[in-house]
Protein backbone atom coordinates (compact mmCIF):
# COMPACT_ATOMS: atom_id res chain seq x y z
CA MET A 1 0.12 -0.20 0.08
CA LYS A 2 2.88 2.01 0.91
CA LYS A 3 4.36 1.83 -2.80
CA LEU A 4 1.08 2.29 -4.12
CA SER A 5 0.46 5.88 -2.30
CA GLY A 6 4.35 6.65 -3.14
CA PHE A 7 3.55 6.05 -7.19
CA LEU A 8 0.02 7.97 -7.01
CA GLY A 9 1.98 10.81 -5.30
CA LEU A 10 4.41 10.81 -8.18
CA VAL A 11 2.05 11.10 -10.75
CA VAL A 12 -0.16 13.37 -9.03
CA GLY A 13 3.24 15.52 -8.70
CA LEU A 14 4.21 14.84 -12.55
CA ILE A 15 0.47 16.50 -13.64
CA THR A 16 0.81 19.31 -10.98
CA MET A 17 4.07 20.51 -13.12
CA VAL A 18 2.81 19.90 -16.19
CA SER A 19 -0.84 22.07 -15.56
CA LEU A 20 1.85 24.94 -14.08
CA PRO A 21 2.41 27.37 -16.92
CA GLY A 22 5.55 29.25 -16.58
CA VAL A 23 7.30 26.64 -13.75
CA ILE A 24 10.73 26.55 -13.88
CA ARG A 25 11.82 23.13 -14.37
CA GLY A 26 14.83 20.64 -14.43
CA GLU A 27 18.35 20.91 -13.17
CA ASP A 28 19.44 23.13 -15.93
CA ALA A 29 16.50 25.82 -15.80
CA GLU A 30 17.40 29.33 -15.38
CA LEU A 31 16.00 30.21 -12.09
CA PRO A 32 13.89 33.81 -11.97
CA ASN A 33 14.59 36.76 -9.84
CA ILE A 34 12.54 37.49 -7.11
CA VAL A 35 11.67 40.88 -6.00
CA ILE A 36 9.56 41.90 -3.21
CA ILE A 37 8.21 45.66 -2.70
CA PHE A 38 6.90 45.90 0.56
CA ILE A 39 4.94 49.61 1.41
CA ASP A 40 4.00 50.46 4.89
CA ASP A 41 0.84 51.24 6.11
CA MET A 42 -0.46 51.91 2.40
CA GLY A 43 -4.09 51.83 1.83
CA TYR A 44 -5.88 50.09 -0.83
CA ALA A 45 -6.96 52.88 -2.94
CA ASP A 46 -3.56 54.84 -2.24
CA ILE A 47 -2.00 54.12 -5.94
CA GLY A 48 -3.33 54.74 -9.39
CA PRO A 49 -4.33 50.72 -10.49
CA PHE A 50 -6.29 50.34 -7.52
CA GLY A 51 -8.23 54.62 -7.60
CA ALA A 52 -6.01 56.72 -6.58
CA THR A 53 -6.52 60.08 -8.97
CA ALA A 54 -5.35 63.18 -6.91
CA TYR A 55 -1.67 62.61 -7.76
CA LYS A 56 0.27 60.31 -10.42
CA THR A 57 1.63 57.08 -10.03
CA PRO A 58 2.89 55.89 -13.68
CA HIS A 59 5.39 53.65 -13.16
CA LEU A 60 2.68 51.40 -10.85
CA ASP A 61 0.57 52.32 -13.81
CA GLN A 62 2.88 50.54 -16.00
CA MET A 63 3.90 47.83 -13.85
CA ALA A 64 -0.41 47.16 -13.83
CA SER A 65 -0.58 47.13 -17.42
CA GLU A 66 2.49 44.76 -18.32
CA GLY A 67 1.44 42.51 -15.48
CA ARG A 68 -1.39 41.56 -12.79
CA ILE A 69 -3.21 43.25 -10.81
CA PHE A 70 -4.69 41.03 -7.34
CA THR A 71 -8.41 43.11 -5.77
CA ASP A 72 -8.57 40.18 -2.95
CA PHE A 73 -5.28 40.05 -1.69
CA HIS A 74 -3.81 40.25 1.89
CA SER A 75 -1.43 40.81 4.18
CA ALA A 76 -2.10 38.51 7.39
CA THR A 77 -2.73 40.97 9.76
CA ALA A 78 -2.73 44.75 10.43
CA VAL A 79 0.28 45.55 12.62
CA CYS A 80 3.89 45.84 11.37
CA SER A 81 6.17 43.36 13.19
CA ALA A 82 3.72 40.58 12.66
CA SER A 83 2.49 41.02 9.06
CA ARG A 84 6.51 40.88 8.25
CA ALA A 85 6.92 37.63 9.74
CA ALA A 86 4.06 36.29 8.04
CA LEU A 87 5.53 37.29 4.57
CA LEU A 88 8.81 35.89 5.02
CA THR A 89 7.80 32.92 6.91
CA GLY A 90 4.49 31.86 4.29
CA CYS A 91 3.02 31.61 8.60
CA TYR A 92 0.25 33.28 10.17
CA PRO A 93 2.26 35.61 13.04
CA GLU A 94 0.62 33.59 15.89
CA ARG A 95 2.19 30.35 14.73
CA VAL A 96 5.87 31.87 14.76
CA SER A 97 4.72 33.88 17.98
CA ILE A 98 5.46 37.35 16.03
CA LEU A 99 2.52 39.82 17.08
CA GLY A 100 2.12 43.69 16.86
CA ALA A 101 5.09 45.84 16.48
CA LEU A 102 8.19 45.01 18.17
CA SER A 103 9.22 47.80 20.35
CA PRO A 104 12.90 49.08 20.82
CA GLN A 105 12.54 47.23 24.30
CA VAL A 106 12.10 43.76 23.13
CA LYS A 107 14.09 41.12 23.75
CA HIS A 108 12.94 38.74 21.29
CA GLY A 109 12.63 38.22 17.55
CA LEU A 110 12.13 36.19 14.82
CA HIS A 111 12.91 32.81 15.76
CA THR A 112 15.88 31.51 13.44
CA ASP A 113 14.52 28.03 13.40
CA GLU A 114 11.97 29.65 11.41
CA MET A 115 12.77 29.09 7.30
CA THR A 116 12.49 32.73 5.58
CA ILE A 117 12.28 33.51 1.85
CA ALA A 118 15.30 34.59 2.15
CA GLU A 119 17.01 31.24 3.37
CA LEU A 120 14.61 29.17 1.06
CA CYS A 121 16.50 31.04 -1.88
CA LYS A 122 19.92 30.64 -0.84
CA GLN A 123 19.24 26.90 -1.71
CA LYS A 124 19.38 26.89 -4.83
CA ASN A 125 22.60 29.96 -4.41
CA TYR A 126 20.92 33.18 -4.53
CA ALA A 127 22.27 36.51 -3.91
CA THR A 128 19.80 37.96 -1.08
CA ALA A 129 19.24 41.53 0.41
CA VAL A 130 17.10 43.51 2.55
CA PHE A 131 17.18 47.19 2.05
CA GLY A 132 14.41 49.22 4.35
CA LYS A 133 12.48 48.62 7.58
CA TRP A 134 13.01 45.19 9.16
CA HIS A 135 10.93 45.00 12.31
CA LEU A 136 11.17 41.70 13.39
CA GLY A 137 13.80 41.93 16.39
CA HIS A 138 16.57 44.82 16.47
CA LEU A 139 19.16 42.43 18.54
CA GLN A 140 21.88 40.92 16.56
CA PRO A 141 20.90 37.68 16.90
CA PHE A 142 17.64 38.65 14.88
CA LEU A 143 18.87 40.79 12.23
CA PRO A 144 18.42 40.14 8.51
CA LEU A 145 22.29 38.96 8.21
CA GLN A 146 21.39 36.01 10.53
CA GLN A 147 18.36 35.16 8.63
CA GLY A 148 19.18 34.25 5.32
CA PHE A 149 20.65 37.57 3.81
CA ASP A 150 24.07 38.85 2.60
CA GLU A 151 22.90 41.77 2.90
CA TYR A 152 21.15 44.41 4.79
CA PHE A 153 20.88 48.65 4.77
CA GLY A 154 17.71 49.71 6.81
CA LEU A 155 16.30 51.09 9.96
CA PRO A 156 15.37 47.74 12.48
CA TYR A 157 11.98 48.84 13.32
CA SER A 158 9.28 51.75 13.05
CA ASN A 159 10.39 55.23 12.23
CA ASP A 160 8.10 56.98 14.77
CA MET A 161 9.54 54.57 17.29
CA TRP A 162 12.23 57.34 18.23
CA PRO A 163 12.45 59.95 20.91
CA GLN A 164 11.08 62.70 18.33
CA PRO A 165 7.26 64.59 17.93
CA ASP A 166 4.39 63.58 15.82
CA VAL A 167 5.30 67.22 14.10
CA GLN A 168 8.38 69.05 14.28
CA GLY A 169 8.97 71.81 17.03
CA GLU A 170 6.18 70.17 19.42
CA PRO A 171 6.57 68.39 22.73
CA VAL A 172 7.47 64.89 22.58
CA PRO A 173 4.81 62.49 23.14
CA LYS A 174 5.35 60.55 26.85
CA HIS A 175 4.77 57.59 25.28
CA ARG A 176 8.18 58.35 23.10
CA GLN A 177 10.35 60.02 25.66
CA HIS A 178 11.72 56.64 26.61
CA TYR A 179 12.81 55.14 23.19
CA PRO A 180 16.45 55.09 22.38
CA LYS A 181 17.78 57.12 18.88
CA LEU A 182 16.74 55.68 16.00
CA PRO A 183 19.60 53.64 14.36
CA LEU A 184 20.84 53.12 10.75
CA PHE A 185 22.15 49.42 10.02
CA ASP A 186 24.29 48.49 7.48
CA GLY A 187 24.46 44.29 7.69
CA ASP A 188 24.76 44.00 11.51
CA ARG A 189 26.91 47.28 12.38
CA VAL A 190 25.04 50.55 13.51
CA VAL A 191 26.41 53.24 11.14
CA ASP A 192 24.04 56.12 12.36
CA GLU A 193 23.46 56.16 15.78
CA GLU A 194 21.01 59.26 15.45
CA VAL A 195 18.62 59.63 12.24
CA THR A 196 17.54 62.93 12.06
CA ALA A 197 14.21 63.91 10.60
CA GLU A 198 16.88 64.94 7.19
CA ASP A 199 18.03 61.62 6.83
CA GLN A 200 14.48 60.35 7.13
CA ALA A 201 13.42 62.28 4.26
CA GLN A 202 16.41 60.64 2.25
CA LEU A 203 15.51 56.94 3.10
CA THR A 204 13.66 56.66 -0.10
CA THR A 205 16.49 57.20 -2.31
CA TRP A 206 19.03 55.52 -0.11
CA TYR A 207 17.23 52.31 -0.18
CA THR A 208 16.38 52.53 -4.13
CA GLU A 209 19.95 53.32 -4.39
CA ARG A 210 20.64 50.36 -2.63
CA ALA A 211 18.11 48.22 -4.90
CA VAL A 212 19.55 49.05 -8.13
CA GLY A 213 23.26 48.52 -6.94
CA PHE A 214 22.35 44.73 -5.72
CA ILE A 215 20.93 44.69 -9.00
CA ASP A 216 23.48 45.57 -10.93
CA ARG A 217 25.84 43.56 -9.16
CA ASN A 218 23.96 40.68 -9.39
CA ARG A 219 22.89 40.09 -12.60
CA ASP A 220 24.39 37.24 -13.77
CA ARG A 221 23.29 35.66 -10.74
CA PRO A 222 20.08 34.61 -9.69
CA PHE A 223 18.76 37.09 -6.51
CA PHE A 224 16.14 37.57 -3.92
CA LEU A 225 15.45 41.33 -3.66
CA TYR A 226 13.49 42.36 -0.29
CA LEU A 227 12.52 45.91 -0.41
CA PRO A 228 10.46 47.15 2.17
CA HIS A 229 10.00 50.81 2.53
CA THR A 230 9.74 52.70 5.86
CA MET A 231 7.04 54.98 4.57
CA VAL A 232 4.41 55.76 4.36
CA HIS A 233 4.33 54.81 7.93
CA VAL A 234 4.25 58.32 10.21
CA PRO A 235 5.81 60.45 10.54
CA ILE A 236 6.12 60.66 6.87
CA PHE A 237 9.35 62.35 4.88
CA VAL A 238 10.20 63.27 1.45
CA SER A 239 12.98 64.07 -0.69
CA GLN A 240 13.47 67.71 -1.85
CA LYS A 241 13.08 66.12 -5.84
CA PHE A 242 9.41 65.33 -5.18
CA SER A 243 8.65 67.94 -2.14
CA GLY A 244 5.22 69.50 -3.51
CA LYS A 245 5.68 67.31 -6.77
CA SER A 246 2.16 66.25 -6.51
CA GLY A 247 -0.06 68.86 -6.10
CA ALA A 248 -1.76 66.90 -3.60
CA GLY A 249 0.18 67.80 -0.25
CA LEU A 250 3.03 65.46 1.68
CA PHE A 251 1.63 61.93 1.65
CA GLY A 252 0.80 62.50 -2.45
CA ASP A 253 4.20 63.87 -2.82
CA VAL A 254 5.37 60.75 -0.72
CA VAL A 255 3.73 58.09 -2.98
CA MET A 256 5.23 59.22 -5.75
CA GLU A 257 8.72 58.95 -4.63
CA LEU A 258 7.57 55.05 -3.97
CA ASP A 259 6.29 54.93 -7.18
CA TRP A 260 10.11 56.95 -8.36
CA SER A 261 11.57 53.77 -6.11
CA VAL A 262 9.63 51.12 -8.47
CA GLY A 263 10.30 52.39 -11.75
CA GLN A 264 14.14 52.61 -10.80
CA VAL A 265 13.80 49.10 -9.99
CA LEU A 266 12.34 47.59 -13.10
CA ASP A 267 15.12 50.47 -15.04
CA ALA A 268 17.42 48.87 -13.89
CA LEU A 269 16.17 45.11 -14.45
CA LYS A 270 15.83 46.04 -18.31
CA ARG A 271 19.10 47.68 -18.19
CA ASN A 272 20.53 44.49 -16.99
CA GLY A 273 18.47 42.45 -19.78
CA ILE A 274 17.31 40.07 -16.40
CA ASP A 275 13.68 41.97 -17.43
CA GLU A 276 12.12 38.60 -18.35
CA LYS A 277 13.32 36.37 -16.01
CA THR A 278 12.73 38.58 -12.60
CA LEU A 279 9.35 38.30 -10.34
CA VAL A 280 8.10 41.86 -9.37
CA VAL A 281 5.36 41.77 -6.68
CA PHE A 282 4.45 45.45 -5.09
CA THR A 283 2.33 44.98 -1.77
CA SER A 284 1.93 46.60 1.21
CA ASP A 285 2.04 45.50 5.72
CA ASN A 286 -1.31 46.71 6.46
CA GLY A 287 -3.91 49.53 5.82
CA PRO A 288 -3.62 53.04 6.22
CA TRP A 289 -3.35 55.17 9.88
CA LEU A 290 -6.70 56.95 9.84
CA ASN A 291 -6.66 58.88 12.56
CA TYR A 292 -3.47 60.42 10.80
CA GLY A 293 -6.14 61.92 8.27
CA ASP A 294 -3.99 63.65 5.44
CA HIS A 295 -0.82 62.18 6.07
CA ALA A 296 -2.24 58.89 5.95
CA GLY A 297 -4.15 57.04 3.31
CA SER A 298 -7.15 55.76 2.27
CA ALA A 299 -9.06 52.18 1.98
CA GLY A 300 -11.44 53.60 -0.96
CA PRO A 301 -13.97 51.25 -0.63
CA LEU A 302 -13.12 49.57 1.89
CA ARG A 303 -13.86 49.48 5.62
CA GLU A 304 -11.93 50.77 9.02
CA GLY A 305 -8.08 50.60 8.44
CA LYS A 306 -4.78 50.04 10.33
CA GLY A 307 -5.33 47.88 13.27
CA THR A 308 -8.64 46.36 12.61
CA MET A 309 -9.62 43.00 11.11
CA PHE A 310 -11.84 44.57 8.55
CA GLU A 311 -10.90 44.44 5.02
CA GLY A 312 -9.66 47.96 5.06
CA GLY A 313 -6.85 46.62 7.68
CA TYR A 314 -5.42 44.05 5.88
CA ARG A 315 -6.80 44.12 1.83
CA GLU A 316 -3.86 45.75 0.29
CA PRO A 317 -3.09 46.89 -3.34
CA CYS A 318 -0.87 43.96 -4.84
CA VAL A 319 0.69 44.39 -8.36
CA MET A 320 2.66 41.45 -9.90
CA ARG A 321 4.45 41.37 -13.00
CA TRP A 322 6.91 38.87 -15.06
CA PRO A 323 6.72 39.62 -18.98
CA GLY A 324 6.13 36.01 -20.75
CA LYS A 325 5.07 34.41 -17.11
CA ILE A 326 2.24 36.57 -16.11
CA PRO A 327 -0.44 38.04 -18.23
CA ALA A 328 -0.44 41.11 -19.38
CA ASN A 329 -2.84 44.04 -18.13
CA SER A 330 -4.90 41.26 -16.36
CA LYS A 331 -6.89 41.02 -13.00
CA CYS A 332 -7.36 38.24 -10.31
CA ASP A 333 -10.22 38.75 -7.91
CA GLU A 334 -9.37 35.22 -5.79
CA LEU A 335 -8.45 35.17 -2.37
CA ALA A 336 -4.55 35.52 -1.63
CA THR A 337 -2.13 36.24 0.97
CA THR A 338 1.16 37.04 1.54
CA MET A 339 1.66 33.91 3.23
CA ASP A 340 1.60 32.38 -0.24
CA LEU A 341 4.93 33.76 -1.78
CA LEU A 342 6.87 31.75 0.25
CA PRO A 343 5.43 28.24 -1.11
CA THR A 344 5.26 29.88 -4.65
CA ILE A 345 8.55 30.61 -4.67
CA ALA A 346 9.55 27.48 -3.39
CA ASN A 347 7.38 25.29 -6.27
CA LEU A 348 9.16 28.41 -8.72
CA ILE A 349 12.31 27.39 -8.13
CA GLN A 350 12.30 23.79 -6.72
CA GLY A 351 13.41 24.82 -3.31
CA ASN A 352 12.23 22.47 -0.61
CA LEU A 353 9.87 23.61 2.29
CA PRO A 354 10.59 22.72 6.41
CA SER A 355 8.95 19.16 6.59
CA ASP A 356 8.98 19.42 10.48
CA ARG A 357 6.50 22.52 10.78
CA PRO A 358 3.29 23.60 9.49
CA ILE A 359 3.43 26.58 7.07
CA ASP A 360 0.02 28.52 6.32
CA GLY A 361 0.65 29.71 2.95
CA LYS A 362 -0.43 27.83 -0.27
CA ASP A 363 1.60 27.98 -3.70
CA ILE A 364 -0.93 30.65 -6.09
CA TRP A 365 0.75 30.51 -9.14
CA PRO A 366 -1.88 29.42 -10.71
CA LEU A 367 -3.50 32.36 -10.18
CA MET A 368 -0.33 34.62 -10.47
CA SER A 369 -0.29 32.75 -14.00
CA GLY A 370 -3.87 33.03 -14.93
CA ARG A 371 -4.36 29.28 -15.68
CA ALA A 372 -7.58 29.28 -16.66
CA ASN A 373 -10.55 28.88 -13.83
CA ALA A 374 -8.02 28.59 -11.20
CA VAL A 375 -9.68 29.49 -7.93
CA SER A 376 -8.03 30.63 -4.53
CA PRO A 377 -6.26 27.37 -2.28
CA HIS A 378 -7.70 28.63 0.87
CA GLU A 379 -10.61 27.04 2.06
CA ALA A 380 -10.46 29.37 4.76
CA PHE A 381 -8.64 32.38 5.74
CA TYR A 382 -8.42 33.35 9.87
CA CYS A 383 -8.23 37.11 10.90
CA TYR A 384 -6.74 37.41 13.66
CA TYR A 385 -5.41 40.69 15.72
CA GLY A 386 -3.05 40.07 18.75
CA GLN A 387 -3.91 36.34 19.47
CA GLU A 388 -7.58 37.40 18.96
CA LEU A 389 -9.26 35.51 15.88
CA GLN A 390 -11.66 38.29 15.50
CA ALA A 391 -13.15 37.02 11.83
CA ILE A 392 -13.03 34.47 9.40
CA ARG A 393 -13.30 34.35 5.65
CA ASP A 394 -13.49 32.28 2.35
CA ARG A 395 -13.51 33.64 -0.83
CA ARG A 396 -16.89 34.96 -0.68
CA TRP A 397 -18.11 35.32 3.16
CA LYS A 398 -16.48 36.70 6.20
CA LEU A 399 -17.67 36.02 9.81
CA HIS A 400 -16.85 38.49 11.98
CA PHE A 401 -17.32 37.17 16.00
CA PRO A 402 -17.98 39.31 18.58
CA HIS A 403 -14.75 41.88 19.36
CA LYS A 404 -14.08 45.27 20.06
CA TYR A 405 -12.45 47.36 17.67
CA ARG A 406 -11.15 51.08 17.06
CA THR A 407 -12.76 53.27 14.76
CA LEU A 408 -13.08 57.11 14.17
CA ALA A 409 -16.96 56.79 13.97
CA GLY A 410 -17.37 59.47 11.39
CA LYS A 411 -14.96 61.65 13.60
CA LYS A 412 -12.82 64.13 11.51
CA PRO A 413 -9.14 63.08 11.31
CA GLY A 414 -5.73 64.77 12.01
CA SER A 415 -4.32 66.94 9.85
CA GLY A 416 -0.66 68.34 8.79
CA GLY A 417 1.50 64.98 10.95
CA HIS A 418 -1.67 65.31 14.14
CA SER A 419 -3.48 62.48 14.80
CA VAL A 420 -6.50 62.19 16.72
CA PRO A 421 -7.81 59.62 19.20
CA TYR A 422 -9.60 56.89 18.22
CA ASP A 423 -13.46 55.71 19.31
CA HIS A 424 -13.66 52.20 20.18
CA MET A 425 -16.94 50.25 19.32
CA GLU A 426 -18.06 46.15 19.57
CA THR A 427 -19.24 44.36 16.86
CA GLY A 428 -21.62 41.17 17.47
CA LEU A 429 -21.46 37.66 15.11
CA GLU A 430 -21.90 39.55 11.62
CA LEU A 431 -21.93 37.64 8.17
CA TYR A 432 -20.85 39.71 5.21
CA ASP A 433 -20.88 38.59 1.43
CA LEU A 434 -17.94 40.22 0.50
CA HIS A 435 -18.75 39.61 -3.36
CA ASN A 436 -21.70 42.12 -3.00
CA ASP A 437 -21.14 44.52 0.35
CA VAL A 438 -17.20 44.50 0.34
CA SER A 439 -17.81 47.70 2.63
CA GLU A 440 -18.55 45.18 4.97
CA THR A 441 -21.69 47.01 5.98
CA ILE A 442 -24.79 44.55 5.84
CA ASN A 443 -25.06 41.77 8.41
CA VAL A 444 -26.80 38.69 6.78
CA ALA A 445 -25.91 36.07 9.59
CA GLY A 446 -29.38 35.43 9.80
CA ASP A 447 -30.19 34.98 6.20
CA HIS A 448 -27.39 32.74 5.94
CA PRO A 449 -27.31 30.61 8.87
CA GLU A 450 -25.56 26.96 7.00
CA VAL A 451 -22.53 29.68 6.16
CA VAL A 452 -22.31 31.21 9.48
CA ALA A 453 -22.21 27.10 11.40
CA ARG A 454 -19.38 26.39 8.19
CA LEU A 455 -17.05 29.08 9.11
CA GLU A 456 -17.52 28.35 12.59
CA LYS A 457 -16.48 25.19 12.35
CA LEU A 458 -13.75 26.63 10.65
CA ALA A 459 -12.66 28.71 13.41
CA LYS A 460 -13.06 26.01 15.90
CA GLN A 461 -10.00 24.23 14.19
CA ALA A 462 -8.00 27.23 13.91
CA ARG A 463 -8.88 28.03 17.74
CA GLU A 464 -7.34 24.47 18.32
CA GLU A 465 -4.09 24.94 16.47
CA LEU A 466 -3.22 28.73 17.14
CA GLY A 467 -5.41 29.57 19.96
CA ASP A 468 -7.97 32.52 20.85
CA LYS A 469 -7.72 35.17 23.51
CA LEU A 470 -11.33 35.98 23.16
CA THR A 471 -12.25 32.47 23.67
CA GLY A 472 -9.60 31.89 26.35
CA GLN A 473 -8.43 28.87 24.42
CA THR A 474 -4.50 27.73 23.93
CA GLY A 475 -3.24 26.89 20.31
CA SER A 476 -1.56 23.44 20.21
CA GLN A 477 0.69 24.46 16.79
CA ILE A 478 2.49 27.60 18.31
CA ARG A 479 6.17 28.04 17.62
CA PRO A 480 7.93 30.08 19.93
CA PRO A 481 10.23 33.16 18.66
CA GLY A 482 13.94 33.63 19.18
CA ARG A 483 15.11 35.10 22.92
CA VAL A 484 17.73 36.51 24.07
CA GLU A 485 18.12 36.34 27.95
């Protein structure tokens, strides 16, 4: 029976290989380059391909016309460190115990036993680099060079984790008075012990220059470039070359500079003759920080923003491009997540995923390559926030469990870098039909008890594995973070 099972598995595997157009196969096949551009706090409607009109994003518009946009693409959760852990490991943040936004005081970070995309690519001798915001542990054992990356340049955590005010010249907020000076790293070494506001205005340029240089130096070998920009996380800054350029205020200027950065990366690929063997993914870690008003983005038709598991908090703009492999000027409306990138890349480069631990992401190459009638491989997506299973969704339906959430509740947001406090409300057991109500406004739980029951059953499985503070459950499949005593 074991031999027959193995034979059937081999047959299924061969059929799968044949059915996925564009997948790299064979020891002598050319390995693709991988570029992931990860924006901080970008809203669903903050770029042209997803509805932005107040300013221009010509390079992202071009990328979308040459590639594929994903309208139902999600970060794993709605906060910084947790969403980055999920992207790089293919796992829910609760599974790898990286939650919230790690502060400069914490003594833990992403465990080095976890496989990152960089470590996966190292199996095939890729050059690997990260230029930008790390936020998975600022202590030396958790920095990028210990997580599979050859090169690192950037901030160890969020750019507001410094003893500075939101608006220059004003008092330092009480919660920031105990923060250390904001450092800038090059590799494992601090090269600037005190990042200033003037430095922050250069971050997008510095990251981009490093990225382009990395591409130029590695054009003759496969590489993985991870470009997690500090912007548009508040406080926002822009270089002189884009200051006032958008006509839509500082936020518009900042997004235009990020768009310029995308253009620089794409131009480098073309100039080096490697455009057609490079997958480029553009997306964000979570939705907009709405209480900052004109210094934050827009979730468009989606409800709420960063810090909530309504769609505005974790549904992100996503553009993917790979000439000849991903269909140009196309769109995918199927459910997919940042966690899917690791297993998809493993398939593309024939890398080996860890056999001793579950990975939550799925191979979404059929969706990326535009295979006819391809559907999301996810039976369910668990909407966790801070160890609370706040909702669960599938390709169409989303069931919220009773939980508190933050909201402006119609209140006017802040402006000029000032924020206003959120109100807090509580949702009940509410079901939304996302195909017909993406704004999550009409509770249809009473009309579809069978959908509620099915999703509640799936939620029970999630709680057994990953726990749930809302119900007091402890998960059985949670792995520890790395710790420094």
